[in-house]
Amino acid sequence: MKHPYSALQKIIWNQLQHIALLLDQHGAFAWGTTAIGSDFDGSINPFPGVLTAEDFEPLAKELVVLAGNFLAQKKIGLPENKQLDAEEIIDRFMYGNTAGFLKTFF
C-alpha cells in the first residue's frame, strides 16, 4: 500500500530542491530560507493527511529520505551547502527556519 504522503512529499521536495539549487548557483546558503507554511486557521484546504502540526513529523521523516538521495547526487556546489545532512536540512525546513524568522522579525 502506498504511503499517503508519497505524492505530497515529492511536491514539497521538488520545491525545496529547486530553491536550494537556485540559491547555491547564486552563491547563497541553500538551507536557511525556506520553511513549511500552514494556514491552520481554516482559510484553505489542508494537504491530505496534514491536518495539524502533529502530522509534520511523519511527513518530515519521508522528506529526509528525498533529501538524502539529493545530497548523494552531489548537485550542490558551495561548501557551506554541503555541510548539512538530510536530517538537519529537513529539520530547518519543518521547524528551524520558521523559528529563526519569528525570532528575527517578531
N, C-alpha and C. Protein backbone atom coordinates (compact mmCIF):
# COMPACT_ATOMS: atom_id res chain seq x y z
N MET A 1 0.84 -1.19 0.00
CA MET A 1 0.00 0.00 0.00
C MET A 1 0.88 1.25 0.00
N LYS A 2 0.55 2.18 -0.83
CA LYS A 2 1.30 3.41 -0.95
C LYS A 2 1.06 4.30 0.26
N HIS A 3 2.13 4.89 0.76
CA HIS A 3 2.03 5.79 1.92
C HIS A 3 1.28 7.05 1.50
N PRO A 4 0.40 7.58 2.37
CA PRO A 4 -0.40 8.75 2.00
C PRO A 4 0.41 10.00 1.71
N TYR A 5 1.65 10.08 2.17
CA TYR A 5 2.44 11.27 1.94
C TYR A 5 3.26 11.21 0.65
N SER A 6 3.29 10.10 -0.04
CA SER A 6 4.20 9.93 -1.17
C SER A 6 4.13 11.06 -2.19
N ALA A 7 2.96 11.36 -2.70
CA ALA A 7 2.84 12.43 -3.70
C ALA A 7 3.12 13.79 -3.07
N LEU A 8 2.62 14.02 -1.87
CA LEU A 8 2.83 15.29 -1.19
C LEU A 8 4.30 15.54 -0.93
N GLN A 9 5.00 14.53 -0.44
CA GLN A 9 6.42 14.72 -0.14
C GLN A 9 7.19 15.06 -1.40
N LYS A 10 6.84 14.47 -2.52
CA LYS A 10 7.54 14.76 -3.77
C LYS A 10 7.29 16.19 -4.23
N ILE A 11 6.07 16.67 -4.09
CA ILE A 11 5.75 18.05 -4.45
C ILE A 11 6.55 19.02 -3.58
N ILE A 12 6.52 18.78 -2.28
CA ILE A 12 7.25 19.66 -1.35
C ILE A 12 8.74 19.60 -1.62
N TRP A 13 9.29 18.39 -1.78
CA TRP A 13 10.72 18.26 -2.00
C TRP A 13 11.14 18.93 -3.32
N ASN A 14 10.35 18.79 -4.37
CA ASN A 14 10.71 19.42 -5.64
C ASN A 14 10.86 20.92 -5.48
N GLN A 15 9.99 21.54 -4.71
CA GLN A 15 10.08 22.98 -4.48
C GLN A 15 11.32 23.33 -3.64
N LEU A 16 11.54 22.59 -2.58
CA LEU A 16 12.69 22.84 -1.70
C LEU A 16 13.99 22.64 -2.47
N GLN A 17 14.07 21.59 -3.26
CA GLN A 17 15.26 21.31 -4.06
C GLN A 17 15.51 22.42 -5.08
N HIS A 18 14.47 22.85 -5.75
CA HIS A 18 14.61 23.91 -6.75
C HIS A 18 15.15 25.20 -6.12
N ILE A 19 14.59 25.57 -5.00
CA ILE A 19 15.05 26.78 -4.30
C ILE A 19 16.50 26.63 -3.86
N ALA A 20 16.85 25.47 -3.32
CA ALA A 20 18.21 25.23 -2.87
C ALA A 20 19.21 25.30 -4.02
N LEU A 21 18.87 24.71 -5.15
CA LEU A 21 19.76 24.75 -6.31
C LEU A 21 19.96 26.18 -6.81
N LEU A 22 18.88 26.95 -6.87
CA LEU A 22 19.00 28.34 -7.31
C LEU A 22 19.87 29.17 -6.36
N LEU A 23 19.63 29.01 -5.07
CA LEU A 23 20.44 29.75 -4.10
C LEU A 23 21.90 29.35 -4.20
N ASP A 24 22.17 28.07 -4.31
CA ASP A 24 23.54 27.57 -4.41
C ASP A 24 24.22 28.14 -5.67
N GLN A 25 23.51 28.12 -6.78
CA GLN A 25 24.07 28.64 -8.04
C GLN A 25 24.37 30.13 -7.96
N HIS A 26 23.66 30.83 -7.09
CA HIS A 26 23.88 32.27 -6.93
C HIS A 26 24.75 32.61 -5.72
N GLY A 27 25.42 31.61 -5.18
CA GLY A 27 26.38 31.84 -4.11
C GLY A 27 25.78 32.09 -2.75
N ALA A 28 24.56 31.61 -2.52
CA ALA A 28 23.89 31.84 -1.24
C ALA A 28 23.67 30.53 -0.48
N PHE A 29 23.50 30.66 0.82
CA PHE A 29 23.21 29.49 1.64
C PHE A 29 21.86 28.91 1.22
N ALA A 30 21.85 27.63 0.94
CA ALA A 30 20.68 26.98 0.33
C ALA A 30 19.62 26.52 1.32
N TRP A 31 19.95 26.40 2.58
CA TRP A 31 19.04 25.71 3.50
C TRP A 31 18.51 26.60 4.61
N GLY A 32 18.60 27.90 4.48
CA GLY A 32 18.20 28.77 5.58
C GLY A 32 17.00 29.66 5.32
N THR A 33 16.38 29.55 4.16
CA THR A 33 15.31 30.49 3.85
C THR A 33 13.93 29.86 3.73
N THR A 34 13.85 28.62 3.36
CA THR A 34 12.54 28.01 3.14
C THR A 34 11.99 27.40 4.42
N ALA A 35 10.68 27.43 4.51
CA ALA A 35 10.01 26.87 5.68
C ALA A 35 8.63 26.38 5.26
N ILE A 36 8.17 25.35 5.91
CA ILE A 36 6.83 24.87 5.61
C ILE A 36 5.84 25.90 6.14
N GLY A 37 4.85 26.17 5.35
CA GLY A 37 3.82 27.11 5.75
C GLY A 37 2.53 26.37 6.05
N SER A 38 1.71 26.98 6.82
CA SER A 38 0.41 26.37 7.10
C SER A 38 -0.62 27.48 7.26
N ASP A 39 -1.81 27.13 6.98
CA ASP A 39 -2.95 28.01 7.22
C ASP A 39 -3.94 27.23 8.08
N PHE A 40 -3.51 26.90 9.27
CA PHE A 40 -4.36 26.12 10.15
C PHE A 40 -5.49 26.96 10.74
N ASP A 41 -5.76 28.09 10.09
CA ASP A 41 -6.88 28.92 10.53
C ASP A 41 -8.16 28.59 9.77
N GLY A 42 -8.08 27.60 8.85
CA GLY A 42 -9.27 27.14 8.15
C GLY A 42 -9.58 27.87 6.87
N SER A 43 -8.68 28.75 6.41
CA SER A 43 -8.98 29.52 5.22
C SER A 43 -8.67 28.79 3.91
N ILE A 44 -7.92 27.71 3.99
CA ILE A 44 -7.64 26.91 2.80
C ILE A 44 -7.85 25.44 3.13
N ASN A 45 -7.85 24.63 2.09
CA ASN A 45 -7.92 23.19 2.32
C ASN A 45 -6.53 22.66 2.62
N PRO A 46 -6.36 21.94 3.71
CA PRO A 46 -5.03 21.40 4.04
C PRO A 46 -4.66 20.26 3.09
N PHE A 47 -3.37 19.97 3.03
CA PHE A 47 -2.91 18.83 2.26
C PHE A 47 -3.52 17.55 2.84
N PRO A 48 -3.78 16.56 2.01
CA PRO A 48 -4.30 15.28 2.52
C PRO A 48 -3.34 14.69 3.55
N GLY A 49 -3.86 14.35 4.70
CA GLY A 49 -3.05 13.73 5.75
C GLY A 49 -2.28 14.70 6.61
N VAL A 50 -2.35 15.99 6.32
CA VAL A 50 -1.64 17.00 7.11
C VAL A 50 -2.68 18.00 7.62
N LEU A 51 -3.40 17.58 8.63
CA LEU A 51 -4.49 18.40 9.15
C LEU A 51 -4.05 19.31 10.28
N THR A 52 -3.02 18.90 11.02
CA THR A 52 -2.49 19.71 12.12
C THR A 52 -0.97 19.60 12.12
N ALA A 53 -0.32 20.40 12.95
CA ALA A 53 1.14 20.33 13.07
C ALA A 53 1.61 18.97 13.56
N GLU A 54 0.74 18.21 14.21
CA GLU A 54 1.11 16.86 14.64
C GLU A 54 1.47 15.97 13.46
N ASP A 55 0.95 16.29 12.29
CA ASP A 55 1.21 15.50 11.10
C ASP A 55 2.52 15.86 10.41
N PHE A 56 3.23 16.86 10.92
CA PHE A 56 4.50 17.25 10.32
C PHE A 56 5.57 16.17 10.49
N GLU A 57 5.61 15.51 11.64
CA GLU A 57 6.70 14.56 11.90
C GLU A 57 6.75 13.41 10.89
N PRO A 58 5.63 12.73 10.61
CA PRO A 58 5.72 11.67 9.60
C PRO A 58 6.09 12.21 8.22
N LEU A 59 5.62 13.38 7.89
CA LEU A 59 5.96 13.99 6.61
C LEU A 59 7.46 14.29 6.57
N ALA A 60 8.00 14.83 7.65
CA ALA A 60 9.42 15.15 7.72
C ALA A 60 10.29 13.91 7.54
N LYS A 61 9.89 12.80 8.13
CA LYS A 61 10.67 11.56 8.00
C LYS A 61 10.79 11.14 6.55
N GLU A 62 9.75 11.30 5.79
CA GLU A 62 9.81 10.93 4.38
C GLU A 62 10.63 11.94 3.58
N LEU A 63 10.57 13.20 3.94
CA LEU A 63 11.37 14.21 3.25
C LEU A 63 12.86 13.98 3.47
N VAL A 64 13.23 13.46 4.63
CA VAL A 64 14.64 13.16 4.92
C VAL A 64 15.19 12.17 3.89
N VAL A 65 14.40 11.20 3.51
CA VAL A 65 14.84 10.21 2.51
C VAL A 65 15.14 10.91 1.18
N LEU A 66 14.23 11.78 0.74
CA LEU A 66 14.44 12.50 -0.51
C LEU A 66 15.64 13.45 -0.42
N ALA A 67 15.81 14.09 0.70
CA ALA A 67 16.96 14.99 0.89
C ALA A 67 18.26 14.19 0.84
N GLY A 68 18.28 13.03 1.45
CA GLY A 68 19.47 12.18 1.41
C GLY A 68 19.81 11.74 0.00
N ASN A 69 18.79 11.38 -0.76
CA ASN A 69 19.00 10.99 -2.16
C ASN A 69 19.56 12.16 -2.97
N PHE A 70 19.03 13.34 -2.71
CA PHE A 70 19.50 14.54 -3.41
C PHE A 70 20.96 14.83 -3.07
N LEU A 71 21.31 14.78 -1.80
CA LEU A 71 22.68 15.06 -1.39
C LEU A 71 23.66 14.07 -2.00
N ALA A 72 23.24 12.83 -2.16
CA ALA A 72 24.10 11.81 -2.75
C ALA A 72 24.41 12.10 -4.21
N GLN A 73 23.57 12.87 -4.87
CA GLN A 73 23.78 13.22 -6.27
C GLN A 73 24.84 14.31 -6.45
N LYS A 74 25.21 14.96 -5.36
CA LYS A 74 26.27 15.98 -5.34
C LYS A 74 26.02 17.11 -6.35
N LYS A 75 24.80 17.62 -6.37
CA LYS A 75 24.45 18.73 -7.26
C LYS A 75 24.73 20.10 -6.64
N ILE A 76 24.98 20.11 -5.34
CA ILE A 76 25.25 21.35 -4.61
C ILE A 76 26.74 21.65 -4.70
N GLY A 77 27.09 22.92 -4.95
CA GLY A 77 28.48 23.26 -5.14
C GLY A 77 29.17 23.95 -3.96
N LEU A 78 28.47 24.88 -3.30
CA LEU A 78 29.10 25.64 -2.22
C LEU A 78 29.39 24.75 -1.01
N PRO A 79 30.58 24.89 -0.44
CA PRO A 79 30.93 24.06 0.73
C PRO A 79 29.92 24.19 1.88
N GLU A 80 29.44 25.41 2.16
CA GLU A 80 28.50 25.57 3.28
C GLU A 80 27.16 24.88 3.01
N ASN A 81 26.83 24.65 1.76
CA ASN A 81 25.59 23.96 1.43
C ASN A 81 25.73 22.45 1.45
N LYS A 82 26.97 21.98 1.47
CA LYS A 82 27.24 20.54 1.53
C LYS A 82 27.39 20.05 2.97
N GLN A 83 27.54 20.95 3.92
CA GLN A 83 27.86 20.58 5.30
C GLN A 83 26.70 19.97 6.07
N LEU A 84 25.48 20.30 5.71
CA LEU A 84 24.33 19.79 6.45
C LEU A 84 23.96 18.41 5.95
N ASP A 85 23.50 17.57 6.88
CA ASP A 85 22.99 16.27 6.45
C ASP A 85 21.48 16.38 6.20
N ALA A 86 20.90 15.33 5.67
CA ALA A 86 19.49 15.34 5.28
C ALA A 86 18.57 15.66 6.46
N GLU A 87 18.86 15.13 7.63
CA GLU A 87 18.02 15.37 8.79
C GLU A 87 18.01 16.84 9.18
N GLU A 88 19.18 17.48 9.13
CA GLU A 88 19.24 18.89 9.51
C GLU A 88 18.56 19.78 8.47
N ILE A 89 18.70 19.43 7.20
CA ILE A 89 18.03 20.20 6.14
C ILE A 89 16.52 20.19 6.36
N ILE A 90 15.97 19.02 6.61
CA ILE A 90 14.52 18.91 6.78
C ILE A 90 14.09 19.50 8.11
N ASP A 91 14.89 19.36 9.14
CA ASP A 91 14.55 19.99 10.42
C ASP A 91 14.48 21.51 10.27
N ARG A 92 15.39 22.08 9.53
CA ARG A 92 15.35 23.52 9.28
C ARG A 92 14.08 23.89 8.52
N PHE A 93 13.75 23.12 7.49
CA PHE A 93 12.57 23.40 6.68
C PHE A 93 11.29 23.27 7.49
N MET A 94 11.18 22.23 8.27
CA MET A 94 9.94 21.96 9.01
C MET A 94 9.78 22.84 10.25
N TYR A 95 10.90 23.20 10.90
CA TYR A 95 10.81 23.89 12.19
C TYR A 95 11.77 25.07 12.34
N GLY A 96 13.04 24.83 12.11
CA GLY A 96 14.09 25.80 12.45
C GLY A 96 14.04 27.12 11.71
N ASN A 97 13.81 27.08 10.41
CA ASN A 97 13.78 28.33 9.65
C ASN A 97 12.59 29.20 10.06
N THR A 98 11.48 28.57 10.38
CA THR A 98 10.32 29.34 10.87
C THR A 98 10.64 29.99 12.20
N ALA A 99 11.25 29.23 13.10
CA ALA A 99 11.61 29.79 14.41
C ALA A 99 12.58 30.96 14.24
N GLY A 100 13.55 30.81 13.35
CA GLY A 100 14.50 31.89 13.10
C GLY A 100 13.84 33.13 12.53
N PHE A 101 12.91 32.94 11.62
CA PHE A 101 12.16 34.06 11.05
C PHE A 101 11.38 34.80 12.13
N LEU A 102 10.67 34.04 12.94
CA LEU A 102 9.86 34.66 14.00
C LEU A 102 10.74 35.40 15.01
N LYS A 103 11.86 34.81 15.34
CA LYS A 103 12.78 35.44 16.29
C LYS A 103 13.34 36.75 15.74
N THR A 104 13.63 36.76 14.45
CA THR A 104 14.20 37.94 13.81
C THR A 104 13.18 39.06 13.61
N PHE A 105 11.97 38.72 13.21
CA PHE A 105 11.02 39.74 12.79
C PHE A 105 9.87 40.00 13.76
N PHE A 106 9.75 39.23 14.81
CA PHE A 106 8.64 39.47 15.73
C PHE A 106 9.06 39.51 17.16
